[in-house]
Amino acid sequence: MPSIWKLASAIDHSLAKPTSAVRLGRAQLAHRDAEEGVPHLHALVAIDPGLAPEADELTLWPSLVRESAIRHVLDMPGGRRRIEAMLGLARFLPQANRDEALAGILDGTAP
């Protein structure tokens, strides 16, 4: 069994990599209330502006955090990343945004 110091060192090492920190932070969102979750989400977006949650994640997040994440995706600049992010959240989006994501597939913006 690893010592607590080895574990702490492994956590510090993983947090030094932005993608690892974001992955860890995303996992924590399901366990935070809206008051803590929304600022936590904004901090994650500051680290990774292309943060694109999946629909399965959103079902676990508090509603205000979910709404903030959807707003973030809809505020992304146009292009492949936005279309791909919207495709992952299709069931949570208004019809106009679903249509935009479909148009992005059809015009080749996203696969």
Foldseek 3Di string as FASTA:
>chain_A
DDDPVVVVVVVVVLVVDLVSVLVVLLVCQLVDALVPNQVSVVVNCVSPVLDADACVSLVSHYPNNSVSNVVSLVPDDDAASSLVSCVRVVVVDDPVNVVVSVVCVVVVRYD
